[in-house]
Amino acid sequence: MTAMRLLSSLFLLTVLMVGCAQSKAAGVPSGPASPQSYPIREEPSSPPPRLLSSQVGREEEERLKQQAARSIESTEQMVRQINAKRLAKDQEEVLSTIRSFQSKAKEALALKDFSRASTLADKARILAKELLTTLR
C-alpha cells in the first residue's frame, strides 16, 4: 500500500511539473500555423549484418552449455516420473510443451546456440517441475 502511494505521489508530482513547464496563456493564439515537414528517410546502401545469436565469451558459452545439459537431464528425469496415461487434457498439453522445449533445446545445442539451448531447457525444466507438483 505504501509503495502504491509513493508511486501515485511521484506520478502526480511529475504531471504537475510537466504541466507547469508548458503553461501557456489561455485564449492567446500562438500565431499562424507553419506547414509540417516530414523528414526523408534515406535507405542504407546495404543492410547491416543480422546477428542470429548473442555474442558471448568462451567461459560464458561453456557455462551455458553445461547449464543446458543439466536442465535437459533434470527434465528428462522428471518426465520419466510422469504417467502420461493418467494426465488430464491440459496436463497432456503441458507435457507436449515440455517435450517440444526439450527437442528445441537439443537442436540449439547441436547448432552451438548455447544461450537459446539454456533458455529452452530451463523453461522445460520449470514446466516439468510444476507439472510434477500438481500430480502429487
Protein backbone atom coordinates (compact mmCIF):
# COMPACT_ATOMS: atom_id res chain seq x y z
CA MET A 1 0.00 0.00 0.00
CA THR A 2 2.85 2.38 0.87
CA ALA A 3 4.56 1.64 -2.44
CA MET A 4 1.35 2.45 -4.30
CA ARG A 5 1.05 5.78 -2.51
CA LEU A 6 4.66 6.59 -3.30
CA LEU A 7 4.15 5.78 -6.97
CA SER A 8 0.94 7.82 -7.06
CA SER A 9 2.68 10.77 -5.43
CA LEU A 10 5.59 10.59 -7.87
CA PHE A 11 3.19 10.41 -10.81
CA LEU A 12 1.19 13.40 -9.57
CA LEU A 13 4.37 15.39 -8.94
CA THR A 14 5.63 14.59 -12.45
CA VAL A 15 2.34 15.63 -14.03
CA LEU A 16 2.32 18.89 -12.09
CA MET A 17 5.92 19.71 -13.02
CA VAL A 18 5.43 18.97 -16.71
CA GLY A 19 2.14 20.85 -16.76
CA CYS A 20 3.74 23.91 -15.17
CA ALA A 21 6.71 23.86 -17.53
CA GLN A 22 4.48 24.05 -20.58
CA SER A 23 1.88 26.54 -19.41
CA LYS A 24 0.53 28.97 -21.99
CA ALA A 25 -1.76 31.91 -21.57
CA ALA A 26 -5.36 30.83 -22.05
CA GLY A 27 -7.09 32.24 -25.09
CA VAL A 28 -3.93 33.71 -26.66
CA PRO A 29 -3.25 32.31 -30.12
CA SER A 30 0.30 31.17 -30.71
CA GLY A 31 0.48 32.62 -34.22
CA PRO A 32 -0.02 31.25 -37.70
CA ALA A 33 0.47 27.53 -38.07
CA SER A 34 3.50 26.57 -40.10
CA PRO A 35 3.25 23.73 -42.61
CA GLN A 36 4.57 20.43 -41.33
CA SER A 37 7.60 18.99 -42.98
CA TYR A 38 8.31 15.30 -42.94
CA PRO A 39 11.89 14.05 -42.82
CA ILE A 40 13.02 11.98 -45.76
CA ARG A 41 14.43 8.67 -44.71
CA GLU A 42 17.44 7.57 -46.68
CA GLU A 43 17.78 3.90 -47.43
CA PRO A 44 21.10 2.37 -46.37
CA SER A 45 23.32 1.20 -49.20
CA SER A 46 23.49 -2.30 -47.74
CA PRO A 47 21.60 -3.77 -44.81
CA PRO A 48 23.58 -4.37 -41.63
CA PRO A 49 24.50 -7.99 -40.96
CA ARG A 50 21.96 -9.85 -38.86
CA LEU A 51 23.01 -11.45 -35.60
CA LEU A 52 21.50 -14.87 -35.20
CA SER A 53 22.55 -15.29 -31.60
CA SER A 54 24.08 -13.17 -28.91
CA GLN A 55 27.84 -12.97 -28.73
CA VAL A 56 29.26 -14.38 -25.51
CA GLY A 57 32.75 -15.23 -24.32
CA ARG A 58 34.10 -18.76 -24.23
CA GLU A 59 33.68 -19.13 -20.46
CA GLU A 60 30.08 -17.94 -20.62
CA GLU A 61 29.47 -20.20 -23.61
CA GLU A 62 30.76 -23.22 -21.68
CA ARG A 63 28.68 -22.30 -18.63
CA LEU A 64 25.53 -22.02 -20.76
CA LYS A 65 26.31 -25.32 -22.48
CA GLN A 66 26.69 -27.12 -19.14
CA GLN A 67 23.60 -25.44 -17.70
CA ALA A 68 21.54 -26.52 -20.72
CA ALA A 69 22.81 -30.10 -20.45
CA ARG A 70 21.97 -30.21 -16.72
CA SER A 71 18.49 -28.81 -17.30
CA ILE A 72 17.83 -31.27 -20.12
CA GLU A 73 18.91 -34.21 -17.96
CA SER A 74 16.92 -33.00 -14.96
CA THR A 75 13.82 -32.54 -17.10
CA GLU A 76 14.18 -35.99 -18.63
CA GLN A 77 14.32 -37.50 -15.13
CA MET A 78 11.15 -35.65 -14.12
CA VAL A 79 9.31 -36.60 -17.33
CA ARG A 80 10.13 -40.29 -16.71
CA GLN A 81 8.23 -40.00 -13.40
CA ILE A 82 5.06 -38.83 -15.17
CA ASN A 83 2.47 -41.40 -16.21
CA ALA A 84 1.12 -39.84 -19.41
CA LYS A 85 -1.93 -42.13 -19.38
CA ARG A 86 -3.23 -40.55 -16.19
CA LEU A 87 -2.98 -36.92 -17.30
CA ALA A 88 -5.91 -34.60 -17.88
CA LYS A 89 -6.14 -32.85 -21.27
CA ASP A 90 -4.49 -29.63 -20.07
CA GLN A 91 -1.71 -31.63 -18.38
CA GLU A 92 -1.12 -33.53 -21.64
CA GLU A 93 -0.67 -30.17 -23.38
CA VAL A 94 1.87 -29.10 -20.77
CA LEU A 95 3.76 -32.38 -21.24
CA SER A 96 3.72 -31.82 -25.00
CA THR A 97 5.13 -28.31 -24.49
CA ILE A 98 7.86 -29.71 -22.23
CA ARG A 99 8.85 -32.24 -24.89
CA SER A 100 8.85 -29.53 -27.55
CA PHE A 101 11.11 -27.28 -25.46
CA GLN A 102 13.41 -30.26 -24.82
CA SER A 103 13.64 -31.07 -28.51
CA LYS A 104 14.36 -27.45 -29.45
CA ALA A 105 16.95 -27.16 -26.68
CA LYS A 106 18.78 -30.22 -28.03
CA GLU A 107 18.66 -28.76 -31.55
CA ALA A 108 20.08 -25.47 -30.25
CA LEU A 109 22.89 -27.36 -28.51
CA ALA A 110 23.73 -29.14 -31.76
CA LEU A 111 23.85 -25.74 -33.51
CA LYS A 112 26.07 -24.39 -30.71
CA ASP A 113 23.45 -21.78 -29.79
CA PHE A 114 24.09 -22.30 -26.09
CA SER A 115 22.17 -19.27 -24.88
CA ARG A 116 19.00 -20.40 -26.64
CA ALA A 117 19.55 -24.02 -25.59
CA SER A 118 19.90 -22.98 -21.96
CA THR A 119 16.77 -20.84 -22.07
CA LEU A 120 14.65 -23.55 -23.70
CA ALA A 121 15.97 -26.28 -21.40
CA ASP A 122 15.28 -24.13 -18.35
CA LYS A 123 11.70 -23.46 -19.50
CA ALA A 124 11.16 -27.19 -19.98
CA ARG A 125 12.59 -27.94 -16.52
CA ILE A 126 10.36 -25.35 -14.82
CA LEU A 127 7.24 -26.68 -16.56
CA ALA A 128 8.15 -30.28 -15.69
CA LYS A 129 8.68 -29.36 -12.05
CA GLU A 130 5.31 -27.57 -11.92
CA LEU A 131 3.56 -30.49 -13.62
CA LEU A 132 5.08 -32.98 -11.17
CA THR A 133 3.99 -30.77 -8.27
CA THR A 134 0.37 -30.75 -9.48
CA LEU A 135 0.38 -34.53 -9.84
CA ARG A 136 1.48 -35.20 -6.26
